Amino acid sequence: MKDRWKRKSIEEFAQYIVNHPPAGWTMQGDPETWPEQWATEIMPLANAALSRVEIGDSEQVGSQDRGPKCMWPVTLGKDYSNWANQQSLTQLR
């Protein structure tokens, strides 16, 4: 799928999405509940993304007025970029 979009403009990609909406894309219920639905819907994807990275031990890298500043090294799996790109296309749709 990614090769198909290499030669497409943003406008062509947007038009394709409009012309080919994914199944089940409409929201249910009161629009005021949509943000909560979206947050709930995205949690499994966030969990899947987190399971594809390795988070190392924290290390203190300095301090600020509010206390120490820490960093956690993150290593992405070799297939992470391809997987993330596909998920991004799905979410954009």
C-alpha atoms as a PDB file:
ATOM      1  CA  MET A   1       0.000   0.000   0.000  1.00  0.00           C
ATOM      2  CA  LYS A   2       2.774   2.444   0.831  1.00  0.00           C
ATOM      3  CA  ASP A   3       4.201   2.315  -2.728  1.00  0.00           C
ATOM      4  CA  ARG A   4       0.832   3.372  -4.103  1.00  0.00           C
ATOM      5  CA  TRP A   5       1.001   6.609  -2.070  1.00  0.00           C
ATOM      6  CA  LYS A   6       4.578   7.564  -2.894  1.00  0.00           C
ATOM      7  CA  ARG A   7       3.440   9.310  -6.064  1.00  0.00           C
ATOM      8  CA  LYS A   8       0.239  10.821  -4.687  1.00  0.00           C
ATOM      9  CA  SER A   9      -0.251  14.353  -3.465  1.00  0.00           C
ATOM     10  CA  ILE A  10      -1.915  15.125  -0.158  1.00  0.00           C
ATOM     11  CA  GLU A  11      -4.989  16.244  -2.073  1.00  0.00           C
ATOM     12  CA  GLU A  12      -5.157  12.947  -4.007  1.00  0.00           C
ATOM     13  CA  PHE A  13      -4.762  10.973  -0.788  1.00  0.00           C
ATOM     14  CA  ALA A  14      -7.517  13.000   0.910  1.00  0.00           C
ATOM     15  CA  GLN A  15      -9.823  12.521  -2.077  1.00  0.00           C
ATOM     16  CA  TYR A  16      -9.183   8.777  -2.042  1.00  0.00           C
ATOM     17  CA  ILE A  17     -10.166   8.640   1.627  1.00  0.00           C
ATOM     18  CA  VAL A  18     -13.340  10.637   0.952  1.00  0.00           C
ATOM     19  CA  ASN A  19     -14.231   8.351  -1.975  1.00  0.00           C
ATOM     20  CA  HIS A  20     -13.436   5.137  -0.062  1.00  0.00           C
ATOM     21  CA  PRO A  21     -14.527   5.588   3.558  1.00  0.00           C
ATOM     22  CA  PRO A  22     -13.714   2.614   5.782  1.00  0.00           C
ATOM     23  CA  ALA A  23     -16.535   0.434   7.069  1.00  0.00           C
ATOM     24  CA  GLY A  24     -17.911   1.448  10.437  1.00  0.00           C
ATOM     25  CA  TRP A  25     -16.416   4.949  10.444  1.00  0.00           C
ATOM     26  CA  THR A  26     -19.553   6.751  11.588  1.00  0.00           C
ATOM     27  CA  MET A  27     -19.870   7.685  15.231  1.00  0.00           C
ATOM     28  CA  GLN A  28     -22.777   6.638  17.410  1.00  0.00           C
ATOM     29  CA  GLY A  29     -24.607   8.589  20.064  1.00  0.00           C
ATOM     30  CA  ASP A  30     -24.453  12.208  21.139  1.00  0.00           C
ATOM     31  CA  PRO A  31     -21.507  14.135  19.656  1.00  0.00           C
ATOM     32  CA  GLU A  32     -20.559  15.175  23.185  1.00  0.00           C
ATOM     33  CA  THR A  33     -19.624  11.523  23.838  1.00  0.00           C
ATOM     34  CA  TRP A  34     -17.386  11.223  20.770  1.00  0.00           C
ATOM     35  CA  PRO A  35     -14.125  12.326  22.451  1.00  0.00           C
ATOM     36  CA  GLU A  36     -14.580   9.640  25.099  1.00  0.00           C
ATOM     37  CA  GLN A  37     -15.373   7.063  22.419  1.00  0.00           C
ATOM     38  CA  TRP A  38     -12.258   8.048  20.463  1.00  0.00           C
ATOM     39  CA  ALA A  39     -10.071   7.844  23.564  1.00  0.00           C
ATOM     40  CA  THR A  40     -11.457   4.413  24.435  1.00  0.00           C
ATOM     41  CA  GLU A  41     -11.107   3.222  20.848  1.00  0.00           C
ATOM     42  CA  ILE A  42      -7.442   4.238  20.591  1.00  0.00           C
ATOM     43  CA  MET A  43      -6.280   2.480  23.774  1.00  0.00           C
ATOM     44  CA  PRO A  44      -5.724  -0.947  22.142  1.00  0.00           C
ATOM     45  CA  LEU A  45      -3.646   0.736  19.417  1.00  0.00           C
ATOM     46  CA  ALA A  46      -1.595   2.578  22.037  1.00  0.00           C
ATOM     47  CA  ASN A  47      -1.014  -0.716  23.845  1.00  0.00           C
ATOM     48  CA  ALA A  48       0.046  -2.386  20.590  1.00  0.00           C
ATOM     49  CA  ALA A  49       2.482   0.457  19.889  1.00  0.00           C
ATOM     50  CA  LEU A  50       3.952   0.245  23.373  1.00  0.00           C
ATOM     51  CA  SER A  51       4.456  -3.501  23.029  1.00  0.00           C
ATOM     52  CA  ARG A  52       6.653  -2.843  19.970  1.00  0.00           C
ATOM     53  CA  VAL A  53       9.210  -0.714  21.791  1.00  0.00           C
ATOM     54  CA  GLU A  54      11.786  -1.426  24.453  1.00  0.00           C
ATOM     55  CA  ILE A  55      12.041   1.172  27.200  1.00  0.00           C
ATOM     56  CA  GLY A  56      15.328   1.206  29.065  1.00  0.00           C
ATOM     57  CA  ASP A  57      16.118   2.253  32.609  1.00  0.00           C
ATOM     58  CA  SER A  58      15.763   5.906  33.459  1.00  0.00           C
ATOM     59  CA  GLU A  59      18.773   8.112  33.874  1.00  0.00           C
ATOM     60  CA  GLN A  60      19.011  11.545  35.393  1.00  0.00           C
ATOM     61  CA  VAL A  61      20.220  14.064  32.829  1.00  0.00           C
ATOM     62  CA  GLY A  62      20.054  17.260  34.822  1.00  0.00           C
ATOM     63  CA  SER A  63      17.688  19.151  36.995  1.00  0.00           C
ATOM     64  CA  GLN A  64      15.237  21.965  36.665  1.00  0.00           C
ATOM     65  CA  ASP A  65      13.537  24.188  39.190  1.00  0.00           C
ATOM     66  CA  ARG A  66      10.901  21.520  39.773  1.00  0.00           C
ATOM     67  CA  GLY A  67      13.297  18.672  40.445  1.00  0.00           C
ATOM     68  CA  PRO A  68      15.453  16.195  38.549  1.00  0.00           C
ATOM     69  CA  LYS A  69      14.964  15.670  34.856  1.00  0.00           C
ATOM     70  CA  CYS A  70      15.042  12.039  33.723  1.00  0.00           C
ATOM     71  CA  MET A  71      15.148  10.325  30.360  1.00  0.00           C
ATOM     72  CA  TRP A  72      14.251   6.805  29.330  1.00  0.00           C
ATOM     73  CA  PRO A  73      16.005   5.396  26.269  1.00  0.00           C
ATOM     74  CA  VAL A  74      13.591   3.869  23.765  1.00  0.00           C
ATOM     75  CA  THR A  75      14.496   1.278  21.140  1.00  0.00           C
ATOM     76  CA  LEU A  76      12.056   0.631  18.308  1.00  0.00           C
ATOM     77  CA  GLY A  77      11.667  -2.858  16.913  1.00  0.00           C
ATOM     78  CA  LYS A  78      12.809  -3.369  13.322  1.00  0.00           C
ATOM     79  CA  ASP A  79       9.229  -3.559  12.009  1.00  0.00           C
ATOM     80  CA  TYR A  80       7.959  -0.616  14.054  1.00  0.00           C
ATOM     81  CA  SER A  81       8.138   2.032  11.311  1.00  0.00           C
ATOM     82  CA  ASN A  82       6.241  -0.069   8.782  1.00  0.00           C
ATOM     83  CA  TRP A  83       3.640  -1.002  11.371  1.00  0.00           C
ATOM     84  CA  ALA A  84       3.282   2.611  12.561  1.00  0.00           C
ATOM     85  CA  ASN A  85       2.933   3.897   9.000  1.00  0.00           C
ATOM     86  CA  GLN A  86       0.142   1.416   8.309  1.00  0.00           C
ATOM     87  CA  GLN A  87      -1.609   2.369  11.544  1.00  0.00           C
ATOM     88  CA  SER A  88      -1.323   6.046  10.625  1.00  0.00           C
ATOM     89  CA  LEU A  89      -2.975   5.443   7.268  1.00  0.00           C
ATOM     90  CA  THR A  90      -5.757   3.520   8.977  1.00  0.00           C
ATOM     91  CA  GLN A  91      -6.281   6.265  11.557  1.00  0.00           C
ATOM     92  CA  LEU A  92      -6.319   8.987   8.919  1.00  0.00           C
ATOM     93  CA  ARG A  93      -9.080   7.139   7.137  1.00  0.00           C
END
